Amino acid sequence: MRNPFRIFARPPKALINPYPKTPAMAARLADHIWKIEEIVRFIDYASSASKLRFH
C-alpha cells in the first residue's frame, strides 16, 4: 500500500461535503476516519500476514 495515511485518515477537500470523508470511506473500505494507531496496527498486521504466506 503506497500511502495508507492519505487513503484512510486524510479527507481531501473534494470529499468534505456534506461531512469529511476519506477515499477509503468513499470506496466503502472504512466507516470512519482512521487514527494513526489504527494505520500502524493495520500495517503491522499486513506485513506479518504476508510473511506467513510466503514461508
N, C-alpha and C. Protein backbone atom coordinates (compact mmCIF):
# COMPACT_ATOMS: atom_id res chain seq x y z
N MET A 1 0.84 -1.16 0.00
CA MET A 1 0.00 0.00 0.00
C MET A 1 0.90 1.23 0.00
N ARG A 2 0.65 2.14 -0.89
CA ARG A 2 1.54 3.28 -1.07
C ARG A 2 1.50 4.27 0.07
N ASN A 3 0.33 4.78 0.42
CA ASN A 3 0.24 5.77 1.48
C ASN A 3 -1.08 5.60 2.22
N PRO A 4 -1.12 4.74 3.21
CA PRO A 4 -2.38 4.49 3.91
C PRO A 4 -2.90 5.71 4.66
N PHE A 5 -2.03 6.63 5.06
CA PHE A 5 -2.49 7.84 5.74
C PHE A 5 -3.43 8.63 4.84
N ARG A 6 -3.05 8.80 3.58
CA ARG A 6 -3.88 9.58 2.65
C ARG A 6 -5.19 8.87 2.35
N ILE A 7 -5.18 7.54 2.34
CA ILE A 7 -6.38 6.78 1.98
C ILE A 7 -7.36 6.66 3.14
N PHE A 8 -6.84 6.44 4.35
CA PHE A 8 -7.71 6.15 5.49
C PHE A 8 -7.88 7.30 6.48
N ALA A 9 -6.96 8.26 6.52
CA ALA A 9 -7.01 9.25 7.60
C ALA A 9 -7.10 10.70 7.15
N ARG A 10 -6.92 10.99 5.90
CA ARG A 10 -6.90 12.39 5.47
C ARG A 10 -7.97 12.65 4.41
N PRO A 11 -9.06 13.29 4.79
CA PRO A 11 -10.09 13.60 3.79
C PRO A 11 -9.65 14.72 2.85
N PRO A 12 -9.70 14.50 1.55
CA PRO A 12 -9.38 15.59 0.62
C PRO A 12 -10.53 16.60 0.59
N LYS A 13 -10.24 17.79 0.13
CA LYS A 13 -11.26 18.85 0.10
C LYS A 13 -12.49 18.45 -0.72
N ALA A 14 -12.31 17.69 -1.76
CA ALA A 14 -13.43 17.30 -2.63
C ALA A 14 -14.41 16.37 -1.93
N LEU A 15 -13.98 15.67 -0.89
CA LEU A 15 -14.86 14.72 -0.20
C LEU A 15 -15.34 15.22 1.16
N ILE A 16 -15.24 16.51 1.42
CA ILE A 16 -15.65 17.05 2.71
C ILE A 16 -17.16 17.33 2.76
N ASN A 17 -17.79 17.55 1.67
CA ASN A 17 -19.21 17.89 1.64
C ASN A 17 -20.07 16.64 1.55
N PRO A 18 -21.03 16.32 2.33
CA PRO A 18 -21.60 17.07 3.46
C PRO A 18 -20.84 16.85 4.75
N TYR A 19 -19.99 15.86 4.86
CA TYR A 19 -19.16 15.67 6.05
C TYR A 19 -17.82 15.10 5.58
N PRO A 20 -16.76 15.24 6.39
CA PRO A 20 -15.44 14.74 5.97
C PRO A 20 -15.46 13.25 5.67
N LYS A 21 -14.90 12.89 4.54
CA LYS A 21 -14.87 11.50 4.11
C LYS A 21 -13.52 11.22 3.45
N THR A 22 -12.89 10.12 3.83
CA THR A 22 -11.62 9.74 3.22
C THR A 22 -11.90 8.94 1.95
N PRO A 23 -10.90 8.77 1.08
CA PRO A 23 -11.09 7.93 -0.10
C PRO A 23 -11.52 6.50 0.26
N ALA A 24 -11.00 5.98 1.37
CA ALA A 24 -11.40 4.63 1.80
C ALA A 24 -12.87 4.60 2.19
N MET A 25 -13.36 5.67 2.81
CA MET A 25 -14.78 5.74 3.16
C MET A 25 -15.64 5.86 1.90
N ALA A 26 -15.17 6.63 0.93
CA ALA A 26 -15.91 6.78 -0.32
C ALA A 26 -15.99 5.45 -1.07
N ALA A 27 -14.95 4.63 -0.95
CA ALA A 27 -14.93 3.32 -1.61
C ALA A 27 -15.56 2.23 -0.72
N ARG A 28 -16.07 2.64 0.44
CA ARG A 28 -16.70 1.74 1.42
C ARG A 28 -15.74 0.67 1.96
N LEU A 29 -14.46 1.05 2.09
CA LEU A 29 -13.46 0.18 2.71
C LEU A 29 -13.34 0.48 4.20
N ALA A 30 -13.82 1.65 4.62
CA ALA A 30 -13.78 2.05 6.03
C ALA A 30 -15.06 2.81 6.34
N ASP A 31 -15.43 2.79 7.62
CA ASP A 31 -16.64 3.51 8.02
C ASP A 31 -16.35 4.72 8.91
N HIS A 32 -15.06 5.02 9.10
CA HIS A 32 -14.66 6.17 9.90
C HIS A 32 -13.26 6.62 9.47
N ILE A 33 -12.89 7.82 9.90
CA ILE A 33 -11.53 8.31 9.65
C ILE A 33 -10.61 7.61 10.64
N TRP A 34 -9.61 6.93 10.12
CA TRP A 34 -8.72 6.14 10.97
C TRP A 34 -7.75 7.03 11.73
N LYS A 35 -7.43 6.59 12.94
CA LYS A 35 -6.37 7.23 13.73
C LYS A 35 -5.04 6.63 13.31
N ILE A 36 -3.97 7.33 13.61
CA ILE A 36 -2.63 6.85 13.26
C ILE A 36 -2.38 5.47 13.87
N GLU A 37 -2.84 5.25 15.09
CA GLU A 37 -2.64 3.96 15.76
C GLU A 37 -3.28 2.82 14.97
N GLU A 38 -4.46 3.08 14.40
CA GLU A 38 -5.13 2.05 13.61
C GLU A 38 -4.35 1.73 12.34
N ILE A 39 -3.78 2.75 11.71
CA ILE A 39 -3.00 2.54 10.50
C ILE A 39 -1.74 1.73 10.82
N VAL A 40 -1.09 2.05 11.93
CA VAL A 40 0.12 1.31 12.32
C VAL A 40 -0.22 -0.15 12.58
N ARG A 41 -1.33 -0.42 13.29
CA ARG A 41 -1.74 -1.80 13.54
C ARG A 41 -2.05 -2.53 12.24
N PHE A 42 -2.70 -1.83 11.31
CA PHE A 42 -3.03 -2.42 10.02
C PHE A 42 -1.76 -2.78 9.24
N ILE A 43 -0.78 -1.89 9.22
CA ILE A 43 0.48 -2.14 8.52
C ILE A 43 1.22 -3.31 9.16
N ASP A 44 1.26 -3.33 10.51
CA ASP A 44 1.91 -4.44 11.21
C ASP A 44 1.23 -5.76 10.88
N TYR A 45 -0.09 -5.77 10.90
CA TYR A 45 -0.84 -6.99 10.60
C TYR A 45 -0.60 -7.44 9.16
N ALA A 46 -0.66 -6.50 8.22
CA ALA A 46 -0.48 -6.85 6.81
C ALA A 46 0.94 -7.36 6.55
N SER A 47 1.93 -6.77 7.19
CA SER A 47 3.30 -7.22 6.96
C SER A 47 3.52 -8.59 7.59
N SER A 48 2.95 -8.86 8.75
CA SER A 48 3.12 -10.18 9.36
C SER A 48 2.34 -11.24 8.60
N ALA A 49 1.18 -10.89 8.06
CA ALA A 49 0.40 -11.84 7.27
C ALA A 49 1.12 -12.20 5.97
N SER A 50 1.77 -11.21 5.35
CA SER A 50 2.47 -11.51 4.10
C SER A 50 3.70 -12.38 4.36
N LYS A 51 4.35 -12.21 5.52
CA LYS A 51 5.48 -13.06 5.86
C LYS A 51 5.04 -14.50 6.07
N LEU A 52 3.88 -14.69 6.69
CA LEU A 52 3.37 -16.04 6.94
C LEU A 52 2.98 -16.73 5.63
N ARG A 53 2.48 -15.96 4.70
CA ARG A 53 2.00 -16.52 3.43
C ARG A 53 3.14 -17.05 2.58
N PHE A 54 4.30 -16.42 2.64
CA PHE A 54 5.40 -16.79 1.76
C PHE A 54 6.41 -17.75 2.40
N HIS A 55 6.21 -18.12 3.65
CA HIS A 55 7.15 -19.02 4.31
C HIS A 55 6.53 -20.37 4.52
